[in-house]
Structure formats: C-alpha cells, structure tokens
C-alpha cells in the first residue's frame, strides 16, 4: 500500500528522519588539462572515508528516483519539439535543420521513457520491501549518490567552473572495492590500472567491521 507520496507505508514507518547509517568509501578524482595538442590526465585516490547518510536523505533519494516527474517532463519536451518541427516544415525550414530537431526530439523522448521505466521499476521494488535486509542495498545507493554529489560540490568550491567539463568523479563502497565489484561504483570515467590497484589495496586494509553498512542510530 502506498502513502500519499510515492513511498510505501513500510518505508515511511521504519525509516525515521533522524536515523543514521555509515560506511567506508573509496573516492577518486580525475583532472584533465590541455596544453596545445597535449592532453594530460591526472587521477588521484583519496584516503578511505567513513561517510554517513540520514533517514531523511534516504527517503528523499528514494522519492526522487521513484518519481516519474522528470521522465514525463522530458517526454513532453520531445513531443513539443516534434510539434515545432511541423511548424518549421510548413515555413520551409531546411532538411538538415529539421533532422537536427528530430534528433533532439528523439533524445528527449528516449531519455524520458528510460527514466519513466526506471522510476516504475524502483517503485515496484519499493512496494515489495518488508525487511531491513531488502532495504540496505537502497540505503547504500542513496549513500553512494550523496558521496558522488559531494565530490562534485567540493571540486566546484575548490576550482570553480574551470575545467569542470573535463573533471571526473568516482566512488565505491569499501566492501565492493575489496571484491573488485566495480558495478557498485558511481563514476563518469574509467580508472587507470595503477589507481584501480591502489584502490583495492586501500579497501582491503580497512577492518572487516568497516566494510559494511552500519546503522549508527
């Protein structure tokens, strides 16, 4: 049974806003600089960090991810672009320009459909949750998203917008890094082999109790 928002009652009742979970993460960053025709890529690995997420942050994340709103908006934009194409065609717009508009429409609509299906899939998964064991992977997703966004915000504070388009971010729970389960990572770049090796070694050095999601309060 769903509540008045898009979170099921079980989650609403069992995740208080002031609950706190923690876990150790491995975090890397990429900086790409260009000098003439040369491209220099520097990847760095931070020391393992214990990070936390609150119950309110978890619920906000699940609401956002299971909401169809963004997907619907993108589909509407795609349809609006198609309508604009029809108008432009009657005004004699060139075929090349119309093709460009069509690609934009397909991109928006396709992205919207993907997000819509993804949100429905997560909503169905949330409705089936009735235990902490089933919920923990979703708490970890919320924590991963928080760590990733915090790295983007930290770089912006340090460097502003300079080189932002060429910056890269990577974060992964320690337990996943130890197993080299890089599908659990959130990243927008591929790790260099030496950084990957250092990452696995750093994660392995974390005590076993630090290699799992822990409820602090």
Protein backbone atom coordinates (compact mmCIF):
# COMPACT_ATOMS: atom_id res chain seq x y z
CA UNK A 1 0.00 0.00 0.00
CA UNK A 2 1.42 3.36 -0.96
CA UNK A 3 1.30 6.52 1.11
CA UNK A 4 0.14 9.88 -0.15
CA UNK A 5 3.61 10.41 -1.65
CA UNK A 6 5.42 7.78 -3.70
CA UNK A 7 6.99 5.89 -0.77
CA UNK A 8 5.29 2.78 0.66
CA UNK A 9 4.00 2.88 4.24
CA UNK A 10 6.56 0.29 5.45
CA UNK A 11 9.44 2.57 4.48
CA UNK A 12 7.72 5.65 5.92
CA UNK A 13 7.17 3.89 9.26
CA UNK A 14 10.56 2.17 9.55
CA UNK A 15 12.96 4.91 8.46
CA UNK A 16 12.83 7.82 10.91
CA UNK A 17 14.31 11.08 9.66
CA UNK A 18 16.97 11.08 12.37
CA UNK A 19 18.26 7.55 11.66
CA UNK A 20 21.93 7.46 10.56
CA UNK A 21 23.88 4.85 8.58
CA UNK A 22 27.60 4.89 7.89
CA UNK A 23 30.01 3.08 5.59
CA UNK A 24 33.57 3.41 4.33
CA UNK A 25 34.01 4.60 0.74
CA UNK A 26 36.90 4.85 -1.69
CA UNK A 27 36.89 8.08 -3.72
CA UNK A 28 38.92 9.05 -6.78
CA UNK A 29 39.02 12.11 -8.98
CA UNK A 30 40.22 12.81 -12.49
CA UNK A 31 41.55 16.12 -13.76
CA UNK A 32 42.16 16.56 -17.48
CA UNK A 33 44.16 19.55 -18.69
CA UNK A 34 45.01 20.58 -22.24
CA UNK A 35 48.13 22.37 -23.43
CA UNK A 36 48.08 22.90 -27.18
CA UNK A 37 47.60 19.45 -28.69
CA UNK A 38 48.65 17.69 -25.48
CA UNK A 39 46.14 16.21 -23.05
CA UNK A 40 47.34 15.49 -19.50
CA UNK A 41 45.19 13.19 -17.37
CA UNK A 42 45.77 13.04 -13.62
CA UNK A 43 43.86 10.55 -11.48
CA UNK A 44 44.14 10.66 -7.69
CA UNK A 45 42.79 8.42 -4.95
CA UNK A 46 41.74 9.82 -1.60
CA UNK A 47 42.20 8.06 1.73
CA UNK A 48 39.23 5.83 2.66
CA UNK A 49 36.45 7.89 4.21
CA UNK A 50 33.68 6.92 6.59
CA UNK A 51 30.57 8.72 5.35
CA UNK A 52 27.03 8.89 6.70
CA UNK A 53 23.50 9.31 5.41
CA UNK A 54 20.35 10.18 7.38
CA UNK A 55 16.94 8.60 7.18
CA UNK A 56 15.56 11.81 5.70
CA UNK A 57 18.24 11.80 2.99
CA UNK A 58 17.47 8.17 2.15
CA UNK A 59 13.75 8.87 1.82
CA UNK A 60 14.36 11.99 -0.26
CA UNK A 61 16.60 9.97 -2.59
CA UNK A 62 14.03 7.19 -2.97
CA UNK A 63 11.27 9.73 -3.63
CA UNK A 64 13.32 11.40 -6.35
CA UNK A 65 14.37 8.14 -8.00
CA UNK A 66 10.89 6.60 -7.96
CA UNK A 67 9.09 9.74 -9.15
CA UNK A 68 8.01 9.71 -12.81
CA UNK A 69 8.01 13.53 -12.97
CA UNK A 70 11.36 14.08 -14.73
CA UNK A 71 10.67 11.33 -17.27
CA UNK A 72 7.26 12.80 -18.08
CA UNK A 73 8.74 16.29 -18.48
CA UNK A 74 11.36 15.02 -20.93
CA UNK A 75 8.75 13.17 -22.98
CA UNK A 76 6.62 16.33 -23.13
CA UNK A 77 9.65 18.34 -24.29
CA UNK A 78 10.31 15.75 -27.01
CA UNK A 79 6.71 15.99 -28.22
CA UNK A 80 6.92 19.78 -28.14
CA UNK A 81 10.00 19.68 -30.37
CA UNK A 82 8.11 17.41 -32.81
CA UNK A 83 5.27 19.95 -32.89
CA UNK A 84 7.80 22.71 -33.52
CA UNK A 85 9.24 20.69 -36.41
CA UNK A 86 5.81 20.51 -38.01
CA UNK A 87 5.51 24.30 -37.84
CA UNK A 88 9.05 24.80 -39.20
CA UNK A 89 8.39 22.39 -42.04
CA UNK A 90 5.39 24.43 -43.19
CA UNK A 91 7.62 27.52 -43.07
CA UNK A 92 10.12 25.88 -45.39
CA UNK A 93 12.92 25.05 -42.96
CA UNK A 94 15.85 23.12 -44.46
CA UNK A 95 16.01 19.34 -44.26
CA UNK A 96 19.27 19.46 -42.32
CA UNK A 97 17.80 21.69 -39.65
CA UNK A 98 14.68 19.51 -39.38
CA UNK A 99 16.88 16.42 -38.98
CA UNK A 100 18.75 18.16 -36.18
CA UNK A 101 15.45 18.94 -34.47
CA UNK A 102 14.33 15.34 -34.90
CA UNK A 103 17.47 14.08 -33.18
CA UNK A 104 16.81 16.44 -30.29
CA UNK A 105 13.21 15.24 -30.04
CA UNK A 106 14.27 11.58 -30.06
CA UNK A 107 16.91 12.29 -27.41
CA UNK A 108 14.48 13.96 -25.04
CA UNK A 109 11.70 11.43 -25.59
CA UNK A 110 14.05 8.45 -25.35
CA UNK A 111 15.63 9.76 -22.16
CA UNK A 112 12.19 10.44 -20.72
CA UNK A 113 10.95 6.93 -21.50
CA UNK A 114 14.08 5.43 -19.92
CA UNK A 115 13.66 7.45 -16.72
CA UNK A 116 9.95 6.69 -16.60
CA UNK A 117 10.53 2.94 -16.86
CA UNK A 118 13.35 3.14 -14.33
CA UNK A 119 11.16 5.01 -11.82
CA UNK A 120 8.34 2.48 -12.23
CA UNK A 121 10.78 -0.40 -11.72
CA UNK A 122 12.07 1.16 -8.50
CA UNK A 123 8.52 1.90 -7.30
CA UNK A 124 7.62 -1.77 -7.74
CA UNK A 125 10.77 -2.78 -5.86
CA UNK A 126 9.98 -0.39 -3.00
CA UNK A 127 6.48 -1.84 -2.63
CA UNK A 128 7.97 -5.30 -2.16
CA UNK A 129 10.34 -4.31 0.65
CA UNK A 130 9.39 -5.58 4.09
CA UNK A 131 12.75 -6.11 5.83
CA UNK A 132 15.98 -4.27 6.61
CA UNK A 133 17.95 -6.80 4.59
CA UNK A 134 15.96 -5.86 1.47
CA UNK A 135 16.25 -2.15 2.22
CA UNK A 136 20.02 -1.96 2.88
CA UNK A 137 21.07 -2.01 -0.83
CA UNK A 138 18.82 1.00 -1.45
CA UNK A 139 20.26 2.84 1.56
CA UNK A 140 23.69 2.20 0.07
CA UNK A 141 22.55 3.62 -3.28
CA UNK A 142 21.42 6.79 -1.51
CA UNK A 143 24.76 6.99 0.30
CA UNK A 144 26.70 6.47 -2.94
CA UNK A 145 24.72 9.23 -4.62
CA UNK A 146 25.41 11.56 -1.69
CA UNK A 147 29.16 10.86 -1.78
CA UNK A 148 29.33 11.38 -5.55
CA UNK A 149 27.45 14.68 -5.45
CA UNK A 150 29.55 15.86 -2.50
CA UNK A 151 32.70 15.32 -4.58
CA UNK A 152 31.28 17.41 -7.43
CA UNK A 153 30.37 20.17 -4.96
CA UNK A 154 33.83 20.02 -3.33
CA UNK A 155 35.62 20.36 -6.66
CA UNK A 156 33.40 23.29 -7.64
CA UNK A 157 34.26 25.01 -4.36
CA UNK A 158 37.99 24.38 -4.95
CA UNK A 159 38.24 25.13 -8.67
CA UNK A 160 35.01 26.91 -9.64
CA UNK A 161 33.91 26.10 -13.18
CA UNK A 162 37.46 25.99 -14.54
CA UNK A 163 37.95 22.66 -16.32
CA UNK A 164 34.70 21.28 -14.90
CA UNK A 165 33.74 19.68 -18.22
CA UNK A 166 36.92 17.57 -18.07
CA UNK A 167 36.73 16.60 -14.39
CA UNK A 168 35.84 13.07 -13.31
CA UNK A 169 34.44 11.55 -10.13
CA UNK A 170 34.46 8.01 -8.75
CA UNK A 171 33.17 6.47 -5.52
CA UNK A 172 32.58 2.90 -4.38
CA UNK A 173 31.73 1.20 -1.06
CA UNK A 174 34.78 -0.45 0.52
CA UNK A 175 33.21 -3.92 0.58
CA UNK A 176 32.59 -3.72 -3.18
CA UNK A 177 36.12 -2.47 -3.87
CA UNK A 178 37.64 -5.40 -1.96
CA UNK A 179 35.73 -7.82 -4.21
CA UNK A 180 36.59 -5.69 -7.27
CA UNK A 181 32.85 -5.41 -7.88
CA UNK A 182 33.13 -2.16 -9.81
CA UNK A 183 29.50 -2.31 -10.94
CA UNK A 184 28.73 -0.91 -7.47
CA UNK A 185 30.75 2.23 -8.26
CA UNK A 186 29.30 5.50 -9.42
CA UNK A 187 31.66 7.16 -11.87
CA UNK A 188 31.95 9.16 -15.07
CA UNK A 189 35.43 7.93 -16.03
CA UNK A 190 37.47 4.73 -16.21
CA UNK A 191 40.17 4.18 -13.60
CA UNK A 192 43.80 3.86 -14.61
CA UNK A 193 45.19 0.43 -13.71
CA UNK A 194 47.54 1.77 -11.02
CA UNK A 195 44.70 3.68 -9.36
CA UNK A 196 42.46 0.60 -9.50
CA UNK A 197 45.16 -1.50 -7.84
CA UNK A 198 45.75 1.10 -5.12
CA UNK A 199 42.00 1.36 -4.55
CA UNK A 200 41.60 -2.37 -3.99
CA UNK A 201 44.61 -2.43 -1.65
CA UNK A 202 43.31 0.53 0.35
CA UNK A 203 39.89 -1.08 0.72
CA UNK A 204 41.43 -4.39 1.84
CA UNK A 205 43.29 -2.58 4.62
CA UNK A 206 40.02 -1.39 6.18
CA UNK A 207 38.95 -3.62 9.14
CA UNK A 208 36.13 -6.04 8.35
CA UNK A 209 33.65 -4.13 10.51
CA UNK A 210 34.26 -1.07 8.35
CA UNK A 211 33.49 -2.95 5.16
CA UNK A 212 29.72 -2.98 5.65
CA UNK A 213 26.80 -0.63 6.06
CA UNK A 214 26.27 0.11 9.76
CA UNK A 215 23.27 1.70 11.45
CA UNK A 216 24.60 4.29 13.91
CA UNK A 217 21.29 5.40 15.39
